């Protein structure tokens, strides 16, 4: 499939977004932080006989940013799995928010 017919590539071109910035934004969003490690620790230690004193409702970051291979596949029209599309969407929305533009949903870019 030609690059000009791919919906994701057309979207990035129309919004003037650089794929390298999408990678950097994804890395910033998905990298584990101190509070994420605390959430995971609390979840692991909860199974040791606690009487459900504290129930953790927050969800930690995945720790897996978008890879250059995934961005390349999305730009060329290759197959991109659903769990890979979600971090791409979050990164694109972060960049759009920085440009003071409206956020998009998954159907608009894929």
PDB file of N, CA and C in Angstrom:
ATOM      1  N   UNK A   1       0.845  -1.170   0.000  1.00  0.00           N
ATOM      2  CA  UNK A   1       0.000   0.000   0.000  1.00  0.00           C
ATOM      3  C   UNK A   1       0.897   1.242   0.000  1.00  0.00           C
ATOM      4  N   UNK A   2       0.574   2.224  -0.793  1.00  0.00           N
ATOM      5  CA  UNK A   2       1.387   3.429  -0.883  1.00  0.00           C
ATOM      6  C   UNK A   2       1.254   4.265   0.381  1.00  0.00           C
ATOM      7  N   UNK A   3       2.306   4.992   0.710  1.00  0.00           N
ATOM      8  CA  UNK A   3       2.328   5.769   1.948  1.00  0.00           C
ATOM      9  C   UNK A   3       1.296   6.889   1.930  1.00  0.00           C
ATOM     10  N   UNK A   4       0.931   7.389   0.729  1.00  0.00           N
ATOM     11  CA  UNK A   4      -0.030   8.478   0.680  1.00  0.00           C
ATOM     12  C   UNK A   4      -1.461   7.991   0.896  1.00  0.00           C
ATOM     13  N   UNK A   5      -1.689   6.696   0.892  1.00  0.00           N
ATOM     14  CA  UNK A   5      -3.032   6.164   1.091  1.00  0.00           C
ATOM     15  C   UNK A   5      -3.252   5.673   2.518  1.00  0.00           C
ATOM     16  N   UNK A   6      -2.235   5.714   3.348  1.00  0.00           N
ATOM     17  CA  UNK A   6      -2.347   5.223   4.717  1.00  0.00           C
ATOM     18  C   UNK A   6      -2.949   6.317   5.581  1.00  0.00           C
ATOM     19  N   UNK A   7      -3.967   5.960   6.325  1.00  0.00           N
ATOM     20  CA  UNK A   7      -4.709   6.931   7.122  1.00  0.00           C
ATOM     21  C   UNK A   7      -3.828   7.581   8.198  1.00  0.00           C
ATOM     22  N   UNK A   8      -2.994   6.786   8.868  1.00  0.00           N
ATOM     23  CA  UNK A   8      -2.140   7.320   9.929  1.00  0.00           C
ATOM     24  C   UNK A   8      -1.113   8.302   9.370  1.00  0.00           C
ATOM     25  N   UNK A   9      -0.500   7.963   8.223  1.00  0.00           N
ATOM     26  CA  UNK A   9       0.486   8.850   7.604  1.00  0.00           C
ATOM     27  C   UNK A   9      -0.166  10.150   7.150  1.00  0.00           C
ATOM     28  N   UNK A  10      -1.368  10.056   6.589  1.00  0.00           N
ATOM     29  CA  UNK A  10      -2.085  11.254   6.163  1.00  0.00           C
ATOM     30  C   UNK A  10      -2.431  12.131   7.360  1.00  0.00           C
ATOM     31  N   UNK A  11      -2.821  11.503   8.466  1.00  0.00           N
ATOM     32  CA  UNK A  11      -3.175  12.263   9.661  1.00  0.00           C
ATOM     33  C   UNK A  11      -1.963  13.016  10.197  1.00  0.00           C
ATOM     34  N   UNK A  12      -0.818  12.338  10.291  1.00  0.00           N
ATOM     35  CA  UNK A  12       0.387  13.001  10.790  1.00  0.00           C
ATOM     36  C   UNK A  12       0.797  14.158   9.876  1.00  0.00           C
ATOM     37  N   UNK A  13       0.658  13.964   8.572  1.00  0.00           N
ATOM     38  CA  UNK A  13       1.018  15.021   7.632  1.00  0.00           C
ATOM     39  C   UNK A  13       0.058  16.208   7.745  1.00  0.00           C
ATOM     40  N   UNK A  14      -1.224  15.933   7.918  1.00  0.00           N
ATOM     41  CA  UNK A  14      -2.201  17.021   7.997  1.00  0.00           C
ATOM     42  C   UNK A  14      -2.050  17.823   9.283  1.00  0.00           C
ATOM     43  N   UNK A  15      -1.669  17.174  10.364  1.00  0.00           N
ATOM     44  CA  UNK A  15      -1.492  17.868  11.649  1.00  0.00           C
ATOM     45  C   UNK A  15      -0.060  18.354  11.854  1.00  0.00           C
ATOM     46  N   UNK A  16       0.804  18.087  10.884  1.00  0.00           N
ATOM     47  CA  UNK A  16       2.217  18.486  10.920  1.00  0.00           C
ATOM     48  C   UNK A  16       2.927  17.923  12.151  1.00  0.00           C
ATOM     49  N   UNK A  17       2.765  16.624  12.352  1.00  0.00           N
ATOM     50  CA  UNK A  17       3.422  15.931  13.459  1.00  0.00           C
ATOM     51  C   UNK A  17       4.546  15.062  12.908  1.00  0.00           C
ATOM     52  N   UNK A  18       5.673  15.070  13.599  1.00  0.00           N
ATOM     53  CA  UNK A  18       6.825  14.283  13.201  1.00  0.00           C
ATOM     54  C   UNK A  18       6.770  12.927  13.913  1.00  0.00           C
ATOM     55  N   UNK A  19       6.965  11.818  13.200  1.00  0.00           N
ATOM     56  CA  UNK A  19       6.941  10.504  13.857  1.00  0.00           C
ATOM     57  C   UNK A  19       7.968  10.377  14.979  1.00  0.00           C
ATOM     58  N   UNK A  20       9.089  11.081  14.865  1.00  0.00           N
ATOM     59  CA  UNK A  20      10.089  11.036  15.937  1.00  0.00           C
ATOM     60  C   UNK A  20       9.560  11.680  17.211  1.00  0.00           C
ATOM     61  N   UNK A  21       8.732  12.706  17.068  1.00  0.00           N
ATOM     62  CA  UNK A  21       8.127  13.325  18.248  1.00  0.00           C
ATOM     63  C   UNK A  21       7.093  12.402  18.876  1.00  0.00           C
ATOM     64  N   UNK A  22       6.420  11.598  18.046  1.00  0.00           N
ATOM     65  CA  UNK A  22       5.473  10.616  18.585  1.00  0.00           C
ATOM     66  C   UNK A  22       6.227   9.596  19.432  1.00  0.00           C
ATOM     67  N   UNK A  23       7.390   9.160  18.942  1.00  0.00           N
ATOM     68  CA  UNK A  23       8.216   8.217  19.709  1.00  0.00           C
ATOM     69  C   UNK A  23       8.653   8.827  21.034  1.00  0.00           C
ATOM     70  N   UNK A  24       9.106  10.070  20.995  1.00  0.00           N
ATOM     71  CA  UNK A  24       9.584  10.729  22.216  1.00  0.00           C
ATOM     72  C   UNK A  24       8.439  10.944  23.212  1.00  0.00           C
ATOM     73  N   UNK A  25       7.274  11.326  22.704  1.00  0.00           N
ATOM     74  CA  UNK A  25       6.125  11.539  23.587  1.00  0.00           C
ATOM     75  C   UNK A  25       5.680  10.218  24.214  1.00  0.00           C
ATOM     76  N   UNK A  26       5.722   9.151  23.446  1.00  0.00           N
ATOM     77  CA  UNK A  26       5.345   7.850  23.979  1.00  0.00           C
ATOM     78  C   UNK A  26       6.318   7.411  25.068  1.00  0.00           C
ATOM     79  N   UNK A  27       7.592   7.659  24.843  1.00  0.00           N
ATOM     80  CA  UNK A  27       8.589   7.302  25.856  1.00  0.00           C
ATOM     81  C   UNK A  27       8.337   8.076  27.147  1.00  0.00           C
ATOM     82  N   UNK A  28       8.005   9.349  27.012  1.00  0.00           N
ATOM     83  CA  UNK A  28       7.722  10.188  28.178  1.00  0.00           C
ATOM     84  C   UNK A  28       6.484   9.699  28.931  1.00  0.00           C
ATOM     85  N   UNK A  29       5.465   9.297  28.194  1.00  0.00           N
ATOM     86  CA  UNK A  29       4.208   8.861  28.811  1.00  0.00           C
ATOM     87  C   UNK A  29       4.293   7.481  29.447  1.00  0.00           C
ATOM     88  N   UNK A  30       4.971   6.563  28.793  1.00  0.00           N
ATOM     89  CA  UNK A  30       4.908   5.164  29.190  1.00  0.00           C
ATOM     90  C   UNK A  30       6.016   4.715  30.132  1.00  0.00           C
ATOM     91  N   UNK A  31       7.069   5.504  30.303  1.00  0.00           N
ATOM     92  CA  UNK A  31       8.166   5.100  31.163  1.00  0.00           C
ATOM     93  C   UNK A  31       7.686   4.989  32.606  1.00  0.00           C
ATOM     94  N   UNK A  32       8.108   3.929  33.275  1.00  0.00           N
ATOM     95  CA  UNK A  32       7.696   3.727  34.660  1.00  0.00           C
ATOM     96  C   UNK A  32       8.268   4.820  35.556  1.00  0.00           C
ATOM     97  N   UNK A  33       7.434   5.337  36.432  1.00  0.00           N
ATOM     98  CA  UNK A  33       7.838   6.338  37.403  1.00  0.00           C
ATOM     99  C   UNK A  33       7.847   5.707  38.787  1.00  0.00           C
ATOM    100  N   UNK A  34       8.288   6.451  39.759  1.00  0.00           N
ATOM    101  CA  UNK A  34       8.366   5.948  41.129  1.00  0.00           C
ATOM    102  C   UNK A  34       6.983   5.508  41.644  1.00  0.00           C
ATOM    103  N   UNK A  35       5.945   6.301  41.378  1.00  0.00           N
ATOM    104  CA  UNK A  35       4.611   5.939  41.879  1.00  0.00           C
ATOM    105  C   UNK A  35       4.077   4.673  41.210  1.00  0.00           C
ATOM    106  N   UNK A  36       4.463   4.428  39.952  1.00  0.00           N
ATOM    107  CA  UNK A  36       4.039   3.207  39.260  1.00  0.00           C
ATOM    108  C   UNK A  36       4.656   1.977  39.914  1.00  0.00           C
ATOM    109  N   UNK A  37       5.924   2.096  40.275  1.00  0.00           N
ATOM    110  CA  UNK A  37       6.577   0.979  40.950  1.00  0.00           C
ATOM    111  C   UNK A  37       5.948   0.734  42.316  1.00  0.00           C
ATOM    112  N   UNK A  38       5.527   1.813  42.992  1.00  0.00           N
ATOM    113  CA  UNK A  38       4.841   1.679  44.283  1.00  0.00           C
ATOM    114  C   UNK A  38       3.509   0.974  44.143  1.00  0.00           C
ATOM    115  N   UNK A  39       2.781   1.278  43.082  1.00  0.00           N
ATOM    116  CA  UNK A  39       1.499   0.626  42.833  1.00  0.00           C
ATOM    117  C   UNK A  39       1.703  -0.864  42.608  1.00  0.00           C
ATOM    118  N   UNK A  40       2.713  -1.202  41.806  1.00  0.00           N
ATOM    119  CA  UNK A  40       2.987  -2.614  41.537  1.00  0.00           C
ATOM    120  C   UNK A  40       3.419  -3.343  42.805  1.00  0.00           C
ATOM    121  N   UNK A  41       4.224  -2.685  43.645  1.00  0.00           N
ATOM    122  CA  UNK A  41       4.665  -3.288  44.891  1.00  0.00           C
ATOM    123  C   UNK A  41       3.485  -3.532  45.821  1.00  0.00           C
ATOM    124  N   UNK A  42       2.588  -2.547  45.910  1.00  0.00           N
ATOM    125  CA  UNK A  42       1.410  -2.703  46.768  1.00  0.00           C
ATOM    126  C   UNK A  42       0.529  -3.843  46.278  1.00  0.00           C
ATOM    127  N   UNK A  43       0.431  -3.989  44.979  1.00  0.00           N
ATOM    128  CA  UNK A  43      -0.390  -5.058  44.409  1.00  0.00           C
ATOM    129  C   UNK A  43       0.220  -6.431  44.717  1.00  0.00           C
ATOM    130  N   UNK A  44       1.563  -6.523  44.624  1.00  0.00           N
ATOM    131  CA  UNK A  44       2.228  -7.787  44.931  1.00  0.00           C
ATOM    132  C   UNK A  44       2.136  -8.132  46.410  1.00  0.00           C
ATOM    133  N   UNK A  45       2.329  -7.145  47.269  1.00  0.00           N
ATOM    134  CA  UNK A  45       2.342  -7.419  48.704  1.00  0.00           C
ATOM    135  C   UNK A  45       0.935  -7.575  49.272  1.00  0.00           C
ATOM    136  N   UNK A  46      -0.086  -7.179  48.533  1.00  0.00           N
ATOM    137  CA  UNK A  46      -1.464  -7.305  49.002  1.00  0.00           C
ATOM    138  C   UNK A  46      -1.864  -8.764  49.156  1.00  0.00           C
ATOM    139  N   UNK A  47      -1.311  -9.635  48.349  1.00  0.00           N
ATOM    140  CA  UNK A  47      -1.674 -11.052  48.380  1.00  0.00           C
ATOM    141  C   UNK A  47      -1.109 -11.804  49.559  1.00  0.00           C
ATOM    142  N   UNK A  48      -0.385 -11.153  50.458  1.00  0.00           N
ATOM    143  CA  UNK A  48       0.250 -11.834  51.571  1.00  0.00           C
ATOM    144  C   UNK A  48      -0.612 -11.876  52.825  1.00  0.00           C
ATOM    145  N   UNK A  49      -1.916 -11.789  52.705  1.00  0.00           N
ATOM    146  CA  UNK A  49      -2.790 -11.948  53.862  1.00  0.00           C
ATOM    147  C   UNK A  49      -3.410 -10.660  54.377  1.00  0.00           C
ATOM    148  N   UNK A  50      -3.291  -9.566  53.656  1.00  0.00           N
ATOM    149  CA  UNK A  50      -3.952  -8.340  54.091  1.00  0.00           C
ATOM    150  C   UNK A  50      -5.462  -8.522  54.005  1.00  0.00           C
ATOM    151  N   UNK A  51      -6.167  -7.862  54.885  1.00  0.00           N
ATOM    152  CA  UNK A  51      -7.627  -7.969  54.917  1.00  0.00           C
ATOM    153  C   UNK A  51      -8.275  -6.888  54.065  1.00  0.00           C
ATOM    154  N   UNK A  52      -7.754  -6.708  52.887  1.00  0.00           N
ATOM    155  CA  UNK A  52      -8.281  -5.718  51.940  1.00  0.00           C
ATOM    156  C   UNK A  52      -8.353  -4.341  52.588  1.00  0.00           C
ATOM    157  N   UNK A  53      -7.333  -3.974  53.342  1.00  0.00           N
ATOM    158  CA  UNK A  53      -7.309  -2.667  54.008  1.00  0.00           C
ATOM    159  C   UNK A  53      -7.254  -1.546  52.986  1.00  0.00           C
ATOM    160  N   UNK A  54      -6.351  -1.674  52.061  1.00  0.00           N
ATOM    161  CA  UNK A  54      -6.218  -0.636  51.042  1.00  0.00           C
ATOM    162  C   UNK A  54      -6.391  -1.278  49.675  1.00  0.00           C
ATOM    163  N   UNK A  55      -7.326  -0.777  48.963  1.00  0.00           N
ATOM    164  CA  UNK A  55      -7.564  -1.292  47.609  1.00  0.00           C
ATOM    165  C   UNK A  55      -7.036  -0.255  46.622  1.00  0.00           C
ATOM    166  N   UNK A  56      -6.074  -0.657  45.831  1.00  0.00           N
ATOM    167  CA  UNK A  56      -5.452   0.243  44.863  1.00  0.00           C
ATOM    168  C   UNK A  56      -6.334   0.334  43.630  1.00  0.00           C
ATOM    169  N   UNK A  57      -6.766   1.554  43.295  1.00  0.00           N
ATOM    170  CA  UNK A  57      -7.616   1.738  42.131  1.00  0.00           C
ATOM    171  C   UNK A  57      -6.856   2.339  40.965  1.00  0.00           C
ATOM    172  N   UNK A  58      -5.686   2.915  41.229  1.00  0.00           N
ATOM    173  CA  UNK A  58      -4.908   3.483  40.134  1.00  0.00           C
ATOM    174  C   UNK A  58      -4.232   2.363  39.346  1.00  0.00           C
ATOM    175  N   UNK A  59      -3.979   2.652  38.090  1.00  0.00           N
ATOM    176  CA  UNK A  59      -3.333   1.670  37.235  1.00  0.00           C
ATOM    177  C   UNK A  59      -1.951   2.213  36.855  1.00  0.00           C
ATOM    178  N   UNK A  60      -0.901   1.419  36.993  1.00  0.00           N
ATOM    179  CA  UNK A  60       0.429   1.914  36.648  1.00  0.00           C
ATOM    180  C   UNK A  60       0.610   2.035  35.143  1.00  0.00           C
ATOM    181  N   UNK A  61       1.612   2.807  34.749  1.00  0.00           N
ATOM    182  CA  UNK A  61       1.954   2.898  33.331  1.00  0.00           C
ATOM    183  C   UNK A  61       2.456   1.536  32.863  1.00  0.00           C
ATOM    184  N   UNK A  62       2.425   1.331  31.568  1.00  0.00           N
ATOM    185  CA  UNK A  62       2.812   0.028  31.041  1.00  0.00           C
ATOM    186  C   UNK A  62       4.310  -0.197  31.094  1.00  0.00           C
ATOM    187  N   UNK A  63       5.090   0.875  30.958  1.00  0.00           N
ATOM    188  CA  UNK A  63       6.531   0.717  30.904  1.00  0.00           C
ATOM    189  C   UNK A  63       7.023   0.330  29.528  1.00  0.00           C
ATOM    190  N   UNK A  64       6.137   0.301  28.549  1.00  0.00           N
ATOM    191  CA  UNK A  64       6.502  -0.099  27.187  1.00  0.00           C
ATOM    192  C   UNK A  64       6.118   0.998  26.197  1.00  0.00           C
ATOM    193  N   UNK A  65       7.052   1.858  25.851  1.00  0.00           N
ATOM    194  CA  UNK A  65       6.737   2.893  24.869  1.00  0.00           C
ATOM    195  C   UNK A  65       6.646   2.311  23.459  1.00  0.00           C
ATOM    196  N   UNK A  66       6.147   3.108  22.551  1.00  0.00           N
ATOM    197  CA  UNK A  66       6.030   2.694  21.153  1.00  0.00           C
ATOM    198  C   UNK A  66       7.432   2.547  20.568  1.00  0.00           C
ATOM    199  N   UNK A  67       7.610   1.514  19.771  1.00  0.00           N
ATOM    200  CA  UNK A  67       8.911   1.269  19.158  1.00  0.00           C
ATOM    201  C   UNK A  67       8.971   1.901  17.762  1.00  0.00           C
ATOM    202  N   UNK A  68      10.176   2.187  17.286  1.00  0.00           N
ATOM    203  CA  UNK A  68      10.291   2.706  15.911  1.00  0.00           C
ATOM    204  C   UNK A  68       9.725   1.738  14.876  1.00  0.00           C
ATOM    205  N   UNK A  69       9.826   0.450  15.156  1.00  0.00           N
ATOM    206  CA  UNK A  69       9.288  -0.549  14.227  1.00  0.00           C
ATOM    207  C   UNK A  69       7.758  -0.444  14.135  1.00  0.00           C
ATOM    208  N   UNK A  70       7.105  -0.206  15.265  1.00  0.00           N
ATOM    209  CA  UNK A  70       5.645  -0.081  15.273  1.00  0.00           C
ATOM    210  C   UNK A  70       5.204   1.178  14.534  1.00  0.00           C
ATOM    211  N   UNK A  71       5.920   2.284  14.733  1.00  0.00           N
ATOM    212  CA  UNK A  71       5.585   3.524  14.021  1.00  0.00           C
ATOM    213  C   UNK A  71       5.783   3.335  12.528  1.00  0.00           C
ATOM    214  N   UNK A  72       6.863   2.671  12.147  1.00  0.00           N
ATOM    215  CA  UNK A  72       7.147   2.431  10.738  1.00  0.00           C
ATOM    216  C   UNK A  72       6.051   1.575  10.103  1.00  0.00           C
ATOM    217  N   UNK A  73       5.610   0.547  10.830  1.00  0.00           N
ATOM    218  CA  UNK A  73       4.531  -0.302  10.314  1.00  0.00           C
ATOM    219  C   UNK A  73       3.236   0.491  10.162  1.00  0.00           C
ATOM    220  N   UNK A  74       2.948   1.368  11.118  1.00  0.00           N
ATOM    221  CA  UNK A  74       1.725   2.171  11.038  1.00  0.00           C
ATOM    222  C   UNK A  74       1.795   3.159   9.873  1.00  0.00           C
ATOM    223  N   UNK A  75       2.961   3.714   9.635  1.00  0.00           N
ATOM    224  CA  UNK A  75       3.115   4.675   8.537  1.00  0.00           C
ATOM    225  C   UNK A  75       3.035   4.011   7.172  1.00  0.00           C
ATOM    226  N   UNK A  76       3.502   2.768   7.081  1.00  0.00           N
ATOM    227  CA  UNK A  76       3.493   2.053   5.804  1.00  0.00           C
ATOM    228  C   UNK A  76       2.191   1.295   5.548  1.00  0.00           C
ATOM    229  N   UNK A  77       1.332   1.217   6.542  1.00  0.00           N
ATOM    230  CA  UNK A  77       0.073   0.513   6.365  1.00  0.00           C
ATOM    231  C   UNK A  77       0.150  -0.948   6.731  1.00  0.00           C
ATOM    232  N   UNK A  78       1.165  -1.341   7.465  1.00  0.00           N
ATOM    233  CA  UNK A  78       1.293  -2.723   7.910  1.00  0.00           C
ATOM    234  C   UNK A  78       0.334  -3.015   9.045  1.00  0.00           C
ATOM    235  N   UNK A  79       0.378  -4.232   9.535  1.00  0.00           N
ATOM    236  CA  UNK A  79      -0.505  -4.607  10.624  1.00  0.00           C
ATOM    237  C   UNK A  79       0.063  -4.106  11.946  1.00  0.00           C
ATOM    238  N   UNK A  80      -0.799  -3.453  12.716  1.00  0.00           N
ATOM    239  CA  UNK A  80      -0.446  -2.947  14.040  1.00  0.00           C
ATOM    240  C   UNK A  80      -1.499  -3.473  14.997  1.00  0.00           C
ATOM    241  N   UNK A  81      -1.047  -4.123  16.069  1.00  0.00           N
ATOM    242  CA  UNK A  81      -2.005  -4.719  17.003  1.00  0.00           C
ATOM    243  C   UNK A  81      -2.723  -3.647  17.806  1.00  0.00           C
ATOM    244  N   UNK A  82      -3.832  -4.025  18.384  1.00  0.00           N
ATOM    245  CA  UNK A  82      -4.614  -3.108  19.202  1.00  0.00           C
ATOM    246  C   UNK A  82      -3.850  -2.565  20.396  1.00  0.00           C
ATOM    247  N   UNK A  83      -3.142  -3.436  21.156  1.00  0.00           N
ATOM    248  CA  UNK A  83      -2.370  -2.919  22.285  1.00  0.00           C
ATOM    249  C   UNK A  83      -1.234  -1.989  21.865  1.00  0.00           C
ATOM    250  N   UNK A  84      -0.825  -2.003  20.613  1.00  0.00           N
ATOM    251  CA  UNK A  84       0.203  -1.081  20.135  1.00  0.00           C
ATOM    252  C   UNK A  84      -0.420   0.231  19.673  1.00  0.00           C
ATOM    253  N   UNK A  85      -1.643   0.174  19.184  1.00  0.00           N
ATOM    254  CA  UNK A  85      -2.317   1.386  18.712  1.00  0.00           C
ATOM    255  C   UNK A  85      -2.627   2.338  19.863  1.00  0.00           C
ATOM    256  N   UNK A  86      -2.925   1.803  21.035  1.00  0.00           N
ATOM    257  CA  UNK A  86      -3.315   2.634  22.170  1.00  0.00           C
ATOM    258  C   UNK A  86      -2.199   3.576  22.618  1.00  0.00           C
ATOM    259  N   UNK A  87      -0.954   3.113  22.814  1.00  0.00           N
ATOM    260  CA  UNK A  87       0.098   4.069  23.172  1.00  0.00           C
ATOM    261  C   UNK A  87       0.397   5.080  22.066  1.00  0.00           C
ATOM    262  N   UNK A  88       0.229   4.668  20.807  1.00  0.00           N
ATOM    263  CA  UNK A  88       0.409   5.616  19.704  1.00  0.00           C
ATOM    264  C   UNK A  88      -0.640   6.713  19.819  1.00  0.00           C
ATOM    265  N   UNK A  89      -1.879   6.329  20.096  1.00  0.00           N
ATOM    266  CA  UNK A  89      -2.962   7.299  20.246  1.00  0.00           C
ATOM    267  C   UNK A  89      -2.689   8.252  21.401  1.00  0.00           C
ATOM    268  N   UNK A  90      -2.229   7.720  22.546  1.00  0.00           N
ATOM    269  CA  UNK A  90      -1.933   8.581  23.692  1.00  0.00           C
ATOM    270  C   UNK A  90      -0.835   9.583  23.363  1.00  0.00           C
ATOM    271  N   UNK A  91       0.199   9.133  22.650  1.00  0.00           N
ATOM    272  CA  UNK A  91       1.297  10.028  22.287  1.00  0.00           C
ATOM    273  C   UNK A  91       0.832  11.104  21.309  1.00  0.00           C
ATOM    274  N   UNK A  92       0.026  10.722  20.329  1.00  0.00           N
ATOM    275  CA  UNK A  92      -0.495  11.695  19.362  1.00  0.00           C
ATOM    276  C   UNK A  92      -1.374  12.714  20.077  1.00  0.00           C
ATOM    277  N   UNK A  93      -2.212  12.253  20.995  1.00  0.00           N
ATOM    278  CA  UNK A  93      -3.071  13.182  21.731  1.00  0.00           C
ATOM    279  C   UNK A  93      -2.267  14.137  22.596  1.00  0.00           C
ATOM    280  N   UNK A  94      -1.158  13.679  23.167  1.00  0.00           N
ATOM    281  CA  UNK A  94      -0.298  14.566  23.941  1.00  0.00           C
ATOM    282  C   UNK A  94       0.275  15.658  23.050  1.00  0.00           C
ATOM    283  N   UNK A  95       0.728  15.285  21.858  1.00  0.00           N
ATOM    284  CA  UNK A  95       1.285  16.274  20.940  1.00  0.00           C
ATOM    285  C   UNK A  95       0.223  17.258  20.459  1.00  0.00           C
ATOM    286  N   UNK A  96      -0.978  16.759  20.205  1.00  0.00           N
ATOM    287  CA  UNK A  96      -2.064  17.652  19.793  1.00  0.00           C
ATOM    288  C   UNK A  96      -2.442  18.608  20.918  1.00  0.00           C
ATOM    289  N   UNK A  97      -2.418  18.119  22.145  1.00  0.00           N
ATOM    290  CA  UNK A  97      -2.719  18.965  23.296  1.00  0.00           C
ATOM    291  C   UNK A  97      -1.666  20.066  23.434  1.00  0.00           C
ATOM    292  N   UNK A  98      -0.411  19.752  23.175  1.00  0.00           N
ATOM    293  CA  UNK A  98       0.648  20.756  23.223  1.00  0.00           C
ATOM    294  C   UNK A  98       0.465  21.815  22.151  1.00  0.00           C
ATOM    295  N   UNK A  99      -0.113  21.420  21.017  1.00  0.00           N
ATOM    296  CA  UNK A  99      -0.370  22.374  19.932  1.00  0.00           C
ATOM    297  C   UNK A  99      -1.718  23.061  20.090  1.00  0.00           C
ATOM    298  N   UNK A 100      -2.396  22.799  21.216  1.00  0.00           N
ATOM    299  CA  UNK A 100      -3.715  23.377  21.513  1.00  0.00           C
ATOM    300  C   UNK A 100      -4.743  23.020  20.439  1.00  0.00           C
ATOM    301  N   UNK A 101      -4.719  21.749  20.044  1.00  0.00           N
ATOM    302  CA  UNK A 101      -5.697  21.224  19.102  1.00  0.00           C
ATOM    303  C   UNK A 101      -6.530  20.170  19.806  1.00  0.00           C
ATOM    304  N   UNK A 102      -7.630  19.795  19.168  1.00  0.00           N
ATOM    305  CA  UNK A 102      -8.542  18.814  19.772  1.00  0.00           C
ATOM    306  C   UNK A 102      -7.927  17.418  19.756  1.00  0.00           C
ATOM    307  N   UNK A 103      -8.253  16.669  20.808  1.00  0.00           N
ATOM    308  CA  UNK A 103      -7.818  15.272  20.855  1.00  0.00           C
ATOM    309  C   UNK A 103      -8.615  14.460  19.847  1.00  0.00           C
ATOM    310  N   UNK A 104      -8.046  13.337  19.437  1.00  0.00           N
ATOM    311  CA  UNK A 104      -8.703  12.465  18.464  1.00  0.00           C
ATOM    312  C   UNK A 104      -8.950  11.109  19.099  1.00  0.00           C
ATOM    313  N   UNK A 105      -9.769  10.299  18.435  1.00  0.00           N
ATOM    314  CA  UNK A 105      -9.965   8.948  18.910  1.00  0.00           C
ATOM    315  C   UNK A 105      -9.316   7.980  17.919  1.00  0.00           C
ATOM    316  N   UNK A 106      -9.331   6.719  18.281  1.00  0.00           N
ATOM    317  CA  UNK A 106      -8.592   5.703  17.543  1.00  0.00           C
ATOM    318  C   UNK A 106      -9.076   5.567  16.095  1.00  0.00           C
ATOM    319  N   UNK A 107     -10.365   5.729  15.862  1.00  0.00           N
ATOM    320  CA  UNK A 107     -10.909   5.551  14.509  1.00  0.00           C
ATOM    321  C   UNK A 107     -10.472   6.659  13.554  1.00  0.00           C
ATOM    322  N   UNK A 108     -10.085   7.797  14.098  1.00  0.00           N
ATOM    323  CA  UNK A 108      -9.669   8.892  13.220  1.00  0.00           C
ATOM    324  C   UNK A 108      -8.241   8.720  12.700  1.00  0.00           C
ATOM    325  N   UNK A 109      -7.416   7.948  13.421  1.00  0.00           N
ATOM    326  CA  UNK A 109      -6.038   7.812  12.946  1.00  0.00           C
ATOM    327  C   UNK A 109      -5.733   6.427  12.383  1.00  0.00           C
ATOM    328  N   UNK A 110      -6.575   5.423  12.687  1.00  0.00           N
ATOM    329  CA  UNK A 110      -6.344   4.084  12.132  1.00  0.00           C
ATOM    330  C   UNK A 110      -7.554   3.580  11.392  1.00  0.00           C
TER     331      UNK A 110
END
